[in-house]
Amino acid sequence: MRFSLALISAILVAAQAAAAKTEPTSLQIGVKARNPDPNCLKTKDGDSLSMHYTGSLWSTGAVFDSSVSRGPFDFVLGQGQVIKGWDLGLRGMCIGEKRKLSFPPSLGYVLS
């Protein structure tokens, strides 16, 4: 079953500065707020998502992009329309849930 999410609140953080931590080598998903409905519909490839995000660098914590001042960002999950870390990290998410995604450059923006 396909469905479109009217608004998914998500906090997407490419990485965060932390002296005691090492840079992630794989996708790490932290759930910051859960949808209380145990039967909520979960996102899957092909679903249309609309969400806010904030991206920051692991090394410095500097914010490099955010949709908060511009309005929600819309895309189709699993279609390669966004960075791989998002396509993987937003699967199985419910409306209203907030996640923190941390991942290595290979799943994000890679300069060539």
PDB file of N, CA and C in Angstrom:
ATOM      1  N   MET A   1       0.849  -1.172   0.000  1.00  0.00           N
ATOM      2  CA  MET A   1       0.000   0.000   0.000  1.00  0.00           C
ATOM      3  C   MET A   1       0.894   1.234   0.000  1.00  0.00           C
ATOM      4  N   ARG A   2       0.602   2.169  -0.881  1.00  0.00           N
ATOM      5  CA  ARG A   2       1.357   3.417  -0.953  1.00  0.00           C
ATOM      6  C   ARG A   2       0.607   4.485  -0.185  1.00  0.00           C
ATOM      7  N   PHE A   3       1.325   5.386   0.404  1.00  0.00           N
ATOM      8  CA  PHE A   3       0.700   6.513   1.072  1.00  0.00           C
ATOM      9  C   PHE A   3       1.628   7.705   1.026  1.00  0.00           C
ATOM     10  N   SER A   4       1.056   8.857   1.149  1.00  0.00           N
ATOM     11  CA  SER A   4       1.836  10.088   1.149  1.00  0.00           C
ATOM     12  C   SER A   4       1.773  10.688   2.539  1.00  0.00           C
ATOM     13  N   LEU A   5       2.898  11.063   3.067  1.00  0.00           N
ATOM     14  CA  LEU A   5       2.939  11.665   4.385  1.00  0.00           C
ATOM     15  C   LEU A   5       2.761  13.164   4.242  1.00  0.00           C
ATOM     16  N   ALA A   6       1.778  13.718   4.912  1.00  0.00           N
ATOM     17  CA  ALA A   6       1.521  15.151   4.829  1.00  0.00           C
ATOM     18  C   ALA A   6       2.699  15.925   5.400  1.00  0.00           C
ATOM     19  N   LEU A   7       3.202  15.491   6.524  1.00  0.00           N
ATOM     20  CA  LEU A   7       4.377  16.140   7.097  1.00  0.00           C
ATOM     21  C   LEU A   7       5.060  15.176   8.023  1.00  0.00           C
ATOM     22  N   ILE A   8       6.291  14.947   7.794  1.00  0.00           N
ATOM     23  CA  ILE A   8       7.099  14.123   8.691  1.00  0.00           C
ATOM     24  C   ILE A   8       8.095  15.074   9.307  1.00  0.00           C
ATOM     25  N   SER A   9       8.097  15.170  10.606  1.00  0.00           N
ATOM     26  CA  SER A   9       9.101  15.989  11.266  1.00  0.00           C
ATOM     27  C   SER A   9      10.302  15.106  11.494  1.00  0.00           C
ATOM     28  N   ALA A  10      11.380  15.495  10.943  1.00  0.00           N
ATOM     29  CA  ALA A  10      12.590  14.701  11.112  1.00  0.00           C
ATOM     30  C   ALA A  10      13.766  15.620  11.333  1.00  0.00           C
ATOM     31  N   ILE A  11      14.577  15.228  12.214  1.00  0.00           N
ATOM     32  CA  ILE A  11      15.825  15.937  12.413  1.00  0.00           C
ATOM     33  C   ILE A  11      16.888  15.075  11.772  1.00  0.00           C
ATOM     34  N   LEU A  12      17.476  15.601  10.753  1.00  0.00           N
ATOM     35  CA  LEU A  12      18.493  14.844  10.050  1.00  0.00           C
ATOM     36  C   LEU A  12      19.820  15.543  10.264  1.00  0.00           C
ATOM     37  N   VAL A  13      20.659  14.860  10.895  1.00  0.00           N
ATOM     38  CA  VAL A  13      21.959  15.427  11.181  1.00  0.00           C
ATOM     39  C   VAL A  13      23.002  14.528  10.549  1.00  0.00           C
ATOM     40  N   ALA A  14      23.691  15.051   9.548  1.00  0.00           N
ATOM     41  CA  ALA A  14      24.696  14.241   8.872  1.00  0.00           C
ATOM     42  C   ALA A  14      25.729  13.774   9.879  1.00  0.00           C
ATOM     43  N   ALA A  15      26.048  14.612  10.829  1.00  0.00           N
ATOM     44  CA  ALA A  15      26.955  14.231  11.893  1.00  0.00           C
ATOM     45  C   ALA A  15      27.041  15.354  12.901  1.00  0.00           C
ATOM     46  N   GLN A  16      27.558  15.079  14.076  1.00  0.00           N
ATOM     47  CA  GLN A  16      27.649  16.060  15.141  1.00  0.00           C
ATOM     48  C   GLN A  16      29.032  16.015  15.757  1.00  0.00           C
ATOM     49  N   ALA A  17      29.547  17.179  16.125  1.00  0.00           N
ATOM     50  CA  ALA A  17      30.873  17.215  16.740  1.00  0.00           C
ATOM     51  C   ALA A  17      30.803  16.623  18.136  1.00  0.00           C
ATOM     52  N   ALA A  18      31.732  15.734  18.420  1.00  0.00           N
ATOM     53  CA  ALA A  18      31.810  15.138  19.749  1.00  0.00           C
ATOM     54  C   ALA A  18      33.236  14.664  19.965  1.00  0.00           C
ATOM     55  N   ALA A  19      33.894  15.224  20.939  1.00  0.00           N
ATOM     56  CA  ALA A  19      35.307  14.919  21.178  1.00  0.00           C
ATOM     57  C   ALA A  19      35.534  13.463  21.524  1.00  0.00           C
ATOM     58  N   ALA A  20      34.648  12.844  22.282  1.00  0.00           N
ATOM     59  CA  ALA A  20      34.864  11.480  22.746  1.00  0.00           C
ATOM     60  C   ALA A  20      34.409  10.432  21.719  1.00  0.00           C
ATOM     61  N   LYS A  21      33.778  10.838  20.640  1.00  0.00           N
ATOM     62  CA  LYS A  21      33.246   9.900  19.655  1.00  0.00           C
ATOM     63  C   LYS A  21      34.099   9.907  18.393  1.00  0.00           C
ATOM     64  N   THR A  22      34.033   8.809  17.675  1.00  0.00           N
ATOM     65  CA  THR A  22      34.710   8.741  16.388  1.00  0.00           C
ATOM     66  C   THR A  22      33.670   8.884  15.282  1.00  0.00           C
ATOM     67  N   GLU A  23      34.117   9.325  14.147  1.00  0.00           N
ATOM     68  CA  GLU A  23      33.240   9.510  12.999  1.00  0.00           C
ATOM     69  C   GLU A  23      32.582   8.179  12.643  1.00  0.00           C
ATOM     70  N   PRO A  24      31.286   8.188  12.299  1.00  0.00           N
ATOM     71  CA  PRO A  24      30.603   6.932  11.981  1.00  0.00           C
ATOM     72  C   PRO A  24      31.158   6.288  10.708  1.00  0.00           C
ATOM     73  N   THR A  25      31.191   4.977  10.684  1.00  0.00           N
ATOM     74  CA  THR A  25      31.632   4.246   9.501  1.00  0.00           C
ATOM     75  C   THR A  25      30.454   3.578   8.794  1.00  0.00           C
ATOM     76  N   SER A  26      29.276   3.664   9.408  1.00  0.00           N
ATOM     77  CA  SER A  26      28.051   3.121   8.819  1.00  0.00           C
ATOM     78  C   SER A  26      26.876   3.972   9.297  1.00  0.00           C
ATOM     79  N   LEU A  27      25.713   3.718   8.746  1.00  0.00           N
ATOM     80  CA  LEU A  27      24.508   4.454   9.118  1.00  0.00           C
ATOM     81  C   LEU A  27      24.139   4.186  10.572  1.00  0.00           C
ATOM     82  N   GLN A  28      23.892   5.251  11.324  1.00  0.00           N
ATOM     83  CA  GLN A  28      23.412   5.146  12.702  1.00  0.00           C
ATOM     84  C   GLN A  28      22.097   5.914  12.785  1.00  0.00           C
ATOM     85  N   ILE A  29      21.052   5.262  13.307  1.00  0.00           N
ATOM     86  CA  ILE A  29      19.730   5.876  13.403  1.00  0.00           C
ATOM     87  C   ILE A  29      19.373   6.031  14.873  1.00  0.00           C
ATOM     88  N   GLY A  30      19.131   7.267  15.276  1.00  0.00           N
ATOM     89  CA  GLY A  30      18.674   7.550  16.626  1.00  0.00           C
ATOM     90  C   GLY A  30      17.259   8.090  16.559  1.00  0.00           C
ATOM     91  N   VAL A  31      16.332   7.489  17.292  1.00  0.00           N
ATOM     92  CA  VAL A  31      14.949   7.968  17.316  1.00  0.00           C
ATOM     93  C   VAL A  31      14.830   8.980  18.453  1.00  0.00           C
ATOM     94  N   LYS A  32      14.549  10.240  18.106  1.00  0.00           N
ATOM     95  CA  LYS A  32      14.464  11.331  19.074  1.00  0.00           C
ATOM     96  C   LYS A  32      13.047  11.507  19.613  1.00  0.00           C
ATOM     97  N   ALA A  33      12.031  11.154  18.829  1.00  0.00           N
ATOM     98  CA  ALA A  33      10.629  11.227  19.258  1.00  0.00           C
ATOM     99  C   ALA A  33       9.860  10.163  18.484  1.00  0.00           C
ATOM    100  N   ARG A  34       9.083   9.377  19.182  1.00  0.00           N
ATOM    101  CA  ARG A  34       8.310   8.298  18.550  1.00  0.00           C
ATOM    102  C   ARG A  34       6.855   8.688  18.380  1.00  0.00           C
ATOM    103  N   ASN A  35       6.221   8.094  17.390  1.00  0.00           N
ATOM    104  CA  ASN A  35       4.783   8.188  17.227  1.00  0.00           C
ATOM    105  C   ASN A  35       4.189   7.196  18.229  1.00  0.00           C
ATOM    106  N   PRO A  36       3.269   7.630  19.105  1.00  0.00           N
ATOM    107  CA  PRO A  36       2.744   6.723  20.140  1.00  0.00           C
ATOM    108  C   PRO A  36       1.847   5.597  19.619  1.00  0.00           C
ATOM    109  N   ASP A  37       1.410   5.690  18.360  1.00  0.00           N
ATOM    110  CA  ASP A  37       0.527   4.673  17.793  1.00  0.00           C
ATOM    111  C   ASP A  37       1.341   3.446  17.374  1.00  0.00           C
ATOM    112  N   PRO A  38       1.163   2.308  18.051  1.00  0.00           N
ATOM    113  CA  PRO A  38       1.933   1.109  17.685  1.00  0.00           C
ATOM    114  C   PRO A  38       1.574   0.567  16.294  1.00  0.00           C
ATOM    115  N   ASN A  39       0.436   1.018  15.740  1.00  0.00           N
ATOM    116  CA  ASN A  39       0.001   0.560  14.423  1.00  0.00           C
ATOM    117  C   ASN A  39       0.192   1.624  13.344  1.00  0.00           C
ATOM    118  N   CYS A  40       1.045   2.606  13.604  1.00  0.00           N
ATOM    119  CA  CYS A  40       1.251   3.667  12.616  1.00  0.00           C
ATOM    120  C   CYS A  40       1.794   3.071  11.316  1.00  0.00           C
ATOM    121  N   LEU A  41       1.455   3.719  10.214  1.00  0.00           N
ATOM    122  CA  LEU A  41       1.986   3.288   8.921  1.00  0.00           C
ATOM    123  C   LEU A  41       3.457   3.670   8.853  1.00  0.00           C
ATOM    124  N   LYS A  42       4.285   2.769   8.408  1.00  0.00           N
ATOM    125  CA  LYS A  42       5.726   3.005   8.327  1.00  0.00           C
ATOM    126  C   LYS A  42       6.131   3.277   6.884  1.00  0.00           C
ATOM    127  N   THR A  43       7.069   4.197   6.720  1.00  0.00           N
ATOM    128  CA  THR A  43       7.521   4.557   5.387  1.00  0.00           C
ATOM    129  C   THR A  43       8.235   3.392   4.706  1.00  0.00           C
ATOM    130  N   LYS A  44       8.104   3.371   3.390  1.00  0.00           N
ATOM    131  CA  LYS A  44       8.786   2.368   2.571  1.00  0.00           C
ATOM    132  C   LYS A  44       9.128   2.999   1.235  1.00  0.00           C
ATOM    133  N   ASP A  45      10.001   2.347   0.494  1.00  0.00           N
ATOM    134  CA  ASP A  45      10.387   2.857  -0.821  1.00  0.00           C
ATOM    135  C   ASP A  45       9.152   3.128  -1.668  1.00  0.00           C
ATOM    136  N   GLY A  46       9.147   4.260  -2.357  1.00  0.00           N
ATOM    137  CA  GLY A  46       8.022   4.656  -3.205  1.00  0.00           C
ATOM    138  C   GLY A  46       7.069   5.627  -2.530  1.00  0.00           C
ATOM    139  N   ASP A  47       7.175   5.793  -1.211  1.00  0.00           N
ATOM    140  CA  ASP A  47       6.309   6.731  -0.495  1.00  0.00           C
ATOM    141  C   ASP A  47       6.789   8.164  -0.707  1.00  0.00           C
ATOM    142  N   SER A  48       5.845   9.088  -0.814  1.00  0.00           N
ATOM    143  CA  SER A  48       6.159  10.509  -0.904  1.00  0.00           C
ATOM    144  C   SER A  48       6.299  11.055   0.510  1.00  0.00           C
ATOM    145  N   LEU A  49       7.435  11.693   0.795  1.00  0.00           N
ATOM    146  CA  LEU A  49       7.684  12.243   2.117  1.00  0.00           C
ATOM    147  C   LEU A  49       7.794  13.754   2.040  1.00  0.00           C
ATOM    148  N   SER A  50       7.376  14.424   3.087  1.00  0.00           N
ATOM    149  CA  SER A  50       7.500  15.863   3.239  1.00  0.00           C
ATOM    150  C   SER A  50       8.015  16.087   4.645  1.00  0.00           C
ATOM    151  N   MET A  51       9.190  16.731   4.777  1.00  0.00           N
ATOM    152  CA  MET A  51       9.814  16.820   6.088  1.00  0.00           C
ATOM    153  C   MET A  51      10.739  18.013   6.203  1.00  0.00           C
ATOM    154  N   HIS A  52      11.038  18.371   7.437  1.00  0.00           N
ATOM    155  CA  HIS A  52      12.073  19.352   7.730  1.00  0.00           C
ATOM    156  C   HIS A  52      13.348  18.596   8.085  1.00  0.00           C
ATOM    157  N   TYR A  53      14.495  19.215   7.821  1.00  0.00           N
ATOM    158  CA  TYR A  53      15.776  18.598   8.165  1.00  0.00           C
ATOM    159  C   TYR A  53      16.786  19.685   8.502  1.00  0.00           C
ATOM    160  N   THR A  54      17.798  19.288   9.219  1.00  0.00           N
ATOM    161  CA  THR A  54      18.959  20.137   9.476  1.00  0.00           C
ATOM    162  C   THR A  54      20.177  19.255   9.334  1.00  0.00           C
ATOM    163  N   GLY A  55      21.117  19.671   8.496  1.00  0.00           N
ATOM    164  CA  GLY A  55      22.345  18.906   8.278  1.00  0.00           C
ATOM    165  C   GLY A  55      23.517  19.641   8.885  1.00  0.00           C
ATOM    166  N   SER A  56      24.364  18.907   9.602  1.00  0.00           N
ATOM    167  CA  SER A  56      25.562  19.510  10.187  1.00  0.00           C
ATOM    168  C   SER A  56      26.748  18.581  10.004  1.00  0.00           C
ATOM    169  N   LEU A  57      27.939  19.144  10.088  1.00  0.00           N
ATOM    170  CA  LEU A  57      29.164  18.373   9.902  1.00  0.00           C
ATOM    171  C   LEU A  57      29.575  17.669  11.183  1.00  0.00           C
ATOM    172  N   TRP A  58      30.062  16.450  11.045  1.00  0.00           N
ATOM    173  CA  TRP A  58      30.528  15.678  12.192  1.00  0.00           C
ATOM    174  C   TRP A  58      31.709  16.376  12.873  1.00  0.00           C
ATOM    175  N   SER A  59      32.648  16.825  12.085  1.00  0.00           N
ATOM    176  CA  SER A  59      33.909  17.350  12.619  1.00  0.00           C
ATOM    177  C   SER A  59      33.750  18.636  13.419  1.00  0.00           C
ATOM    178  N   THR A  60      32.837  19.510  12.994  1.00  0.00           N
ATOM    179  CA  THR A  60      32.718  20.811  13.659  1.00  0.00           C
ATOM    180  C   THR A  60      31.345  21.088  14.252  1.00  0.00           C
ATOM    181  N   GLY A  61      30.344  20.356  13.820  1.00  0.00           N
ATOM    182  CA  GLY A  61      28.971  20.624  14.253  1.00  0.00           C
ATOM    183  C   GLY A  61      28.338  21.776  13.485  1.00  0.00           C
ATOM    184  N   ALA A  62      29.066  22.353  12.524  1.00  0.00           N
ATOM    185  CA  ALA A  62      28.556  23.483  11.750  1.00  0.00           C
ATOM    186  C   ALA A  62      27.384  23.049  10.871  1.00  0.00           C
ATOM    187  N   VAL A  63      26.296  23.805  10.930  1.00  0.00           N
ATOM    188  CA  VAL A  63      25.128  23.528  10.093  1.00  0.00           C
ATOM    189  C   VAL A  63      25.444  23.960   8.663  1.00  0.00           C
ATOM    190  N   PHE A  64      25.249  23.042   7.703  1.00  0.00           N
ATOM    191  CA  PHE A  64      25.502  23.374   6.302  1.00  0.00           C
ATOM    192  C   PHE A  64      24.232  23.536   5.495  1.00  0.00           C
ATOM    193  N   ASP A  65      23.098  23.067   6.017  1.00  0.00           N
ATOM    194  CA  ASP A  65      21.826  23.218   5.306  1.00  0.00           C
ATOM    195  C   ASP A  65      20.683  22.942   6.269  1.00  0.00           C
ATOM    196  N   SER A  66      19.548  23.603   6.032  1.00  0.00           N
ATOM    197  CA  SER A  66      18.356  23.368   6.849  1.00  0.00           C
ATOM    198  C   SER A  66      17.124  23.812   6.066  1.00  0.00           C
ATOM    199  N   SER A  67      16.055  23.049   6.185  1.00  0.00           N
ATOM    200  CA  SER A  67      14.800  23.400   5.520  1.00  0.00           C
ATOM    201  C   SER A  67      13.888  24.217   6.431  1.00  0.00           C
ATOM    202  N   VAL A  68      14.259  24.375   7.679  1.00  0.00           N
ATOM    203  CA  VAL A  68      13.365  24.978   8.673  1.00  0.00           C
ATOM    204  C   VAL A  68      12.904  26.377   8.254  1.00  0.00           C
ATOM    205  N   SER A  69      13.779  27.203   7.718  1.00  0.00           N
ATOM    206  CA  SER A  69      13.381  28.554   7.322  1.00  0.00           C
ATOM    207  C   SER A  69      12.723  28.598   5.942  1.00  0.00           C
ATOM    208  N   ARG A  70      12.877  27.535   5.139  1.00  0.00           N
ATOM    209  CA  ARG A  70      12.350  27.505   3.766  1.00  0.00           C
ATOM    210  C   ARG A  70      11.027  26.775   3.638  1.00  0.00           C
ATOM    211  N   GLY A  71      10.751  25.859   4.524  1.00  0.00           N
ATOM    212  CA  GLY A  71       9.564  25.022   4.404  1.00  0.00           C
ATOM    213  C   GLY A  71       9.960  23.576   4.176  1.00  0.00           C
ATOM    214  N   PRO A  72       9.016  22.658   4.325  1.00  0.00           N
ATOM    215  CA  PRO A  72       9.324  21.224   4.210  1.00  0.00           C
ATOM    216  C   PRO A  72       9.910  20.853   2.854  1.00  0.00           C
ATOM    217  N   PHE A  73      10.723  19.815   2.870  1.00  0.00           N
ATOM    218  CA  PHE A  73      11.356  19.275   1.673  1.00  0.00           C
ATOM    219  C   PHE A  73      10.571  18.045   1.245  1.00  0.00           C
ATOM    220  N   ASP A  74      10.200  17.945  -0.025  1.00  0.00           N
ATOM    221  CA  ASP A  74       9.404  16.835  -0.554  1.00  0.00           C
ATOM    222  C   ASP A  74      10.238  15.963  -1.474  1.00  0.00           C
ATOM    223  N   PHE A  75      10.089  14.648  -1.328  1.00  0.00           N
ATOM    224  CA  PHE A  75      10.784  13.705  -2.200  1.00  0.00           C
ATOM    225  C   PHE A  75      10.132  12.337  -2.085  1.00  0.00           C
ATOM    226  N   VAL A  76      10.511  11.437  -2.990  1.00  0.00           N
ATOM    227  CA  VAL A  76      10.008  10.063  -2.971  1.00  0.00           C
ATOM    228  C   VAL A  76      11.123   9.173  -2.416  1.00  0.00           C
ATOM    229  N   LEU A  77      10.810   8.416  -1.386  1.00  0.00           N
ATOM    230  CA  LEU A  77      11.788   7.566  -0.708  1.00  0.00           C
ATOM    231  C   LEU A  77      12.236   6.407  -1.597  1.00  0.00           C
ATOM    232  N   GLY A  78      13.534   6.131  -1.586  1.00  0.00           N
ATOM    233  CA  GLY A  78      14.074   4.971  -2.282  1.00  0.00           C
ATOM    234  C   GLY A  78      14.247   5.139  -3.774  1.00  0.00           C
ATOM    235  N   GLN A  79      14.121   6.349  -4.279  1.00  0.00           N
ATOM    236  CA  GLN A  79      14.229   6.589  -5.718  1.00  0.00           C
ATOM    237  C   GLN A  79      15.529   7.291  -6.101  1.00  0.00           C
ATOM    238  N   GLY A  80      16.445   7.471  -5.130  1.00  0.00           N
ATOM    239  CA  GLY A  80      17.701   8.139  -5.423  1.00  0.00           C
ATOM    240  C   GLY A  80      17.565   9.644  -5.553  1.00  0.00           C
ATOM    241  N   GLN A  81      16.455  10.224  -5.090  1.00  0.00           N
ATOM    242  CA  GLN A  81      16.248  11.668  -5.173  1.00  0.00           C
ATOM    243  C   GLN A  81      16.991  12.418  -4.066  1.00  0.00           C
ATOM    244  N   VAL A  82      17.449  11.683  -3.061  1.00  0.00           N
ATOM    245  CA  VAL A  82      18.169  12.270  -1.927  1.00  0.00           C
ATOM    246  C   VAL A  82      19.429  11.444  -1.680  1.00  0.00           C
ATOM    247  N   ILE A  83      20.264  11.896  -0.769  1.00  0.00           N
ATOM    248  CA  ILE A  83      21.481  11.152  -0.459  1.00  0.00           C
ATOM    249  C   ILE A  83      21.129   9.774   0.106  1.00  0.00           C
ATOM    250  N   LYS A  84      22.023   8.827  -0.101  1.00  0.00           N
ATOM    251  CA  LYS A  84      21.782   7.433   0.279  1.00  0.00           C
ATOM    252  C   LYS A  84      21.483   7.280   1.774  1.00  0.00           C
ATOM    253  N   GLY A  85      22.136   8.075   2.632  1.00  0.00           N
ATOM    254  CA  GLY A  85      21.876   8.022   4.070  1.00  0.00           C
ATOM    255  C   GLY A  85      20.421   8.289   4.408  1.00  0.00           C
ATOM    256  N   TRP A  86      19.780   9.161   3.644  1.00  0.00           N
ATOM    257  CA  TRP A  86      18.358   9.434   3.863  1.00  0.00           C
ATOM    258  C   TRP A  86      17.496   8.288   3.334  1.00  0.00           C
ATOM    259  N   ASP A  87      17.782   7.834   2.107  1.00  0.00           N
ATOM    260  CA  ASP A  87      16.991   6.738   1.535  1.00  0.00           C
ATOM    261  C   ASP A  87      16.995   5.521   2.465  1.00  0.00           C
ATOM    262  N   LEU A  88      18.113   5.259   3.107  1.00  0.00           N
ATOM    263  CA  LEU A  88      18.207   4.122   4.023  1.00  0.00           C
ATOM    264  C   LEU A  88      17.666   4.457   5.414  1.00  0.00           C
ATOM    265  N   GLY A  89      17.995   5.630   5.927  1.00  0.00           N
ATOM    266  CA  GLY A  89      17.688   5.987   7.308  1.00  0.00           C
ATOM    267  C   GLY A  89      16.262   6.398   7.586  1.00  0.00           C
ATOM    268  N   LEU A  90      15.477   6.685   6.537  1.00  0.00           N
ATOM    269  CA  LEU A  90      14.091   7.105   6.741  1.00  0.00           C
ATOM    270  C   LEU A  90      13.085   5.987   6.502  1.00  0.00           C
ATOM    271  N   ARG A  91      13.555   4.822   6.121  1.00  0.00           N
ATOM    272  CA  ARG A  91      12.652   3.674   5.970  1.00  0.00           C
ATOM    273  C   ARG A  91      12.115   3.266   7.339  1.00  0.00           C
ATOM    274  N   GLY A  92      10.852   2.911   7.371  1.00  0.00           N
ATOM    275  CA  GLY A  92      10.246   2.433   8.617  1.00  0.00           C
ATOM    276  C   GLY A  92       9.911   3.536   9.602  1.00  0.00           C
ATOM    277  N   MET A  93       9.854   4.769   9.151  1.00  0.00           N
ATOM    278  CA  MET A  93       9.569   5.918  10.009  1.00  0.00           C
ATOM    279  C   MET A  93       8.076   6.221   9.984  1.00  0.00           C
ATOM    280  N   CYS A  94       7.526   6.670  11.115  1.00  0.00           N
ATOM    281  CA  CYS A  94       6.106   7.012  11.219  1.00  0.00           C
ATOM    282  C   CYS A  94       5.903   8.526  11.162  1.00  0.00           C
ATOM    283  N   ILE A  95       4.709   8.961  10.782  1.00  0.00           N
ATOM    284  CA  ILE A  95       4.372  10.377  10.783  1.00  0.00           C
ATOM    285  C   ILE A  95       4.602  10.938  12.183  1.00  0.00           C
ATOM    286  N   GLY A  96       5.268  12.085  12.255  1.00  0.00           N
ATOM    287  CA  GLY A  96       5.520  12.739  13.531  1.00  0.00           C
ATOM    288  C   GLY A  96       6.773  12.280  14.244  1.00  0.00           C
ATOM    289  N   GLU A  97       7.385  11.219  13.779  1.00  0.00           N
ATOM    290  CA  GLU A  97       8.610  10.723  14.403  1.00  0.00           C
ATOM    291  C   GLU A  97       9.772  11.652  14.057  1.00  0.00           C
ATOM    292  N   LYS A  98      10.725  11.751  14.967  1.00  0.00           N
ATOM    293  CA  LYS A  98      11.935  12.529  14.725  1.00  0.00           C
ATOM    294  C   LYS A  98      13.123  11.594  14.856  1.00  0.00           C
ATOM    295  N   ARG A  99      14.025  11.684  13.889  1.00  0.00           N
ATOM    296  CA  ARG A  99      15.223  10.844  13.899  1.00  0.00           C
ATOM    297  C   ARG A  99      16.474  11.686  13.758  1.00  0.00           C
ATOM    298  N   LYS A 100      17.543  11.163  14.289  1.00  0.00           N
ATOM    299  CA  LYS A 100      18.870  11.734  14.086  1.00  0.00           C
ATOM    300  C   LYS A 100      19.663  10.689  13.318  1.00  0.00           C
ATOM    301  N   LEU A 101      20.103  11.049  12.120  1.00  0.00           N
ATOM    302  CA  LEU A 101      20.880  10.143  11.293  1.00  0.00           C
ATOM    303  C   LEU A 101      22.331  10.588  11.303  1.00  0.00           C
ATOM    304  N   SER A 102      23.219   9.667  11.546  1.00  0.00           N
ATOM    305  CA  SER A 102      24.659   9.920  11.444  1.00  0.00           C
ATOM    306  C   SER A 102      25.211   8.897  10.469  1.00  0.00           C
ATOM    307  N   PHE A 103      26.046   9.361   9.535  1.00  0.00           N
ATOM    308  CA  PHE A 103      26.587   8.441   8.544  1.00  0.00           C
ATOM    309  C   PHE A 103      27.876   8.993   7.962  1.00  0.00           C
ATOM    310  N   PRO A 104      28.670   8.102   7.366  1.00  0.00           N
ATOM    311  CA  PRO A 104      29.943   8.531   6.766  1.00  0.00           C
ATOM    312  C   PRO A 104      29.702   9.249   5.435  1.00  0.00           C
ATOM    313  N   PRO A 105      30.715   9.939   4.930  1.00  0.00           N
ATOM    314  CA  PRO A 105      30.575  10.656   3.665  1.00  0.00           C
ATOM    315  C   PRO A 105      30.103   9.776   2.501  1.00  0.00           C
ATOM    316  N   SER A 106      30.417   8.499   2.527  1.00  0.00           N
ATOM    317  CA  SER A 106      30.003   7.609   1.438  1.00  0.00           C
ATOM    318  C   SER A 106      28.491   7.501   1.312  1.00  0.00           C
ATOM    319  N   LEU A 107      27.742   7.830   2.374  1.00  0.00           N
ATOM    320  CA  LEU A 107      26.275   7.807   2.332  1.00  0.00           C
ATOM    321  C   LEU A 107      25.696   9.217   2.243  1.00  0.00           C
ATOM    322  N   GLY A 108      26.570  10.212   2.106  1.00  0.00           N
ATOM    323  CA  GLY A 108      26.138  11.597   2.048  1.00  0.00           C
ATOM    324  C   GLY A 108      26.655  12.267   0.806  1.00  0.00           C
ATOM    325  N   TYR A 109      27.143  13.459   1.003  1.00  0.00           N
ATOM    326  CA  TYR A 109      27.701  14.241  -0.110  1.00  0.00           C
ATOM    327  C   TYR A 109      29.173  13.912  -0.223  1.00  0.00           C
ATOM    328  N   VAL A 110      29.580  13.396  -1.341  1.00  0.00           N
ATOM    329  CA  VAL A 110      30.975  13.052  -1.548  1.00  0.00           C
ATOM    330  C   VAL A 110      31.533  13.967  -2.628  1.00  0.00           C
ATOM    331  N   LEU A 111      32.600  14.667  -2.296  1.00  0.00           N
ATOM    332  CA  LEU A 111      33.232  15.536  -3.284  1.00  0.00           C
ATOM    333  C   LEU A 111      34.112  14.692  -4.194  1.00  0.00           C
ATOM    334  N   SER A 112      34.007  14.939  -5.489  1.00  0.00           N
ATOM    335  CA  SER A 112      34.825  14.161  -6.425  1.00  0.00           C
ATOM    336  C   SER A 112      35.857  15.022  -7.100  1.00  0.00           C
TER     337      SER A 112
END
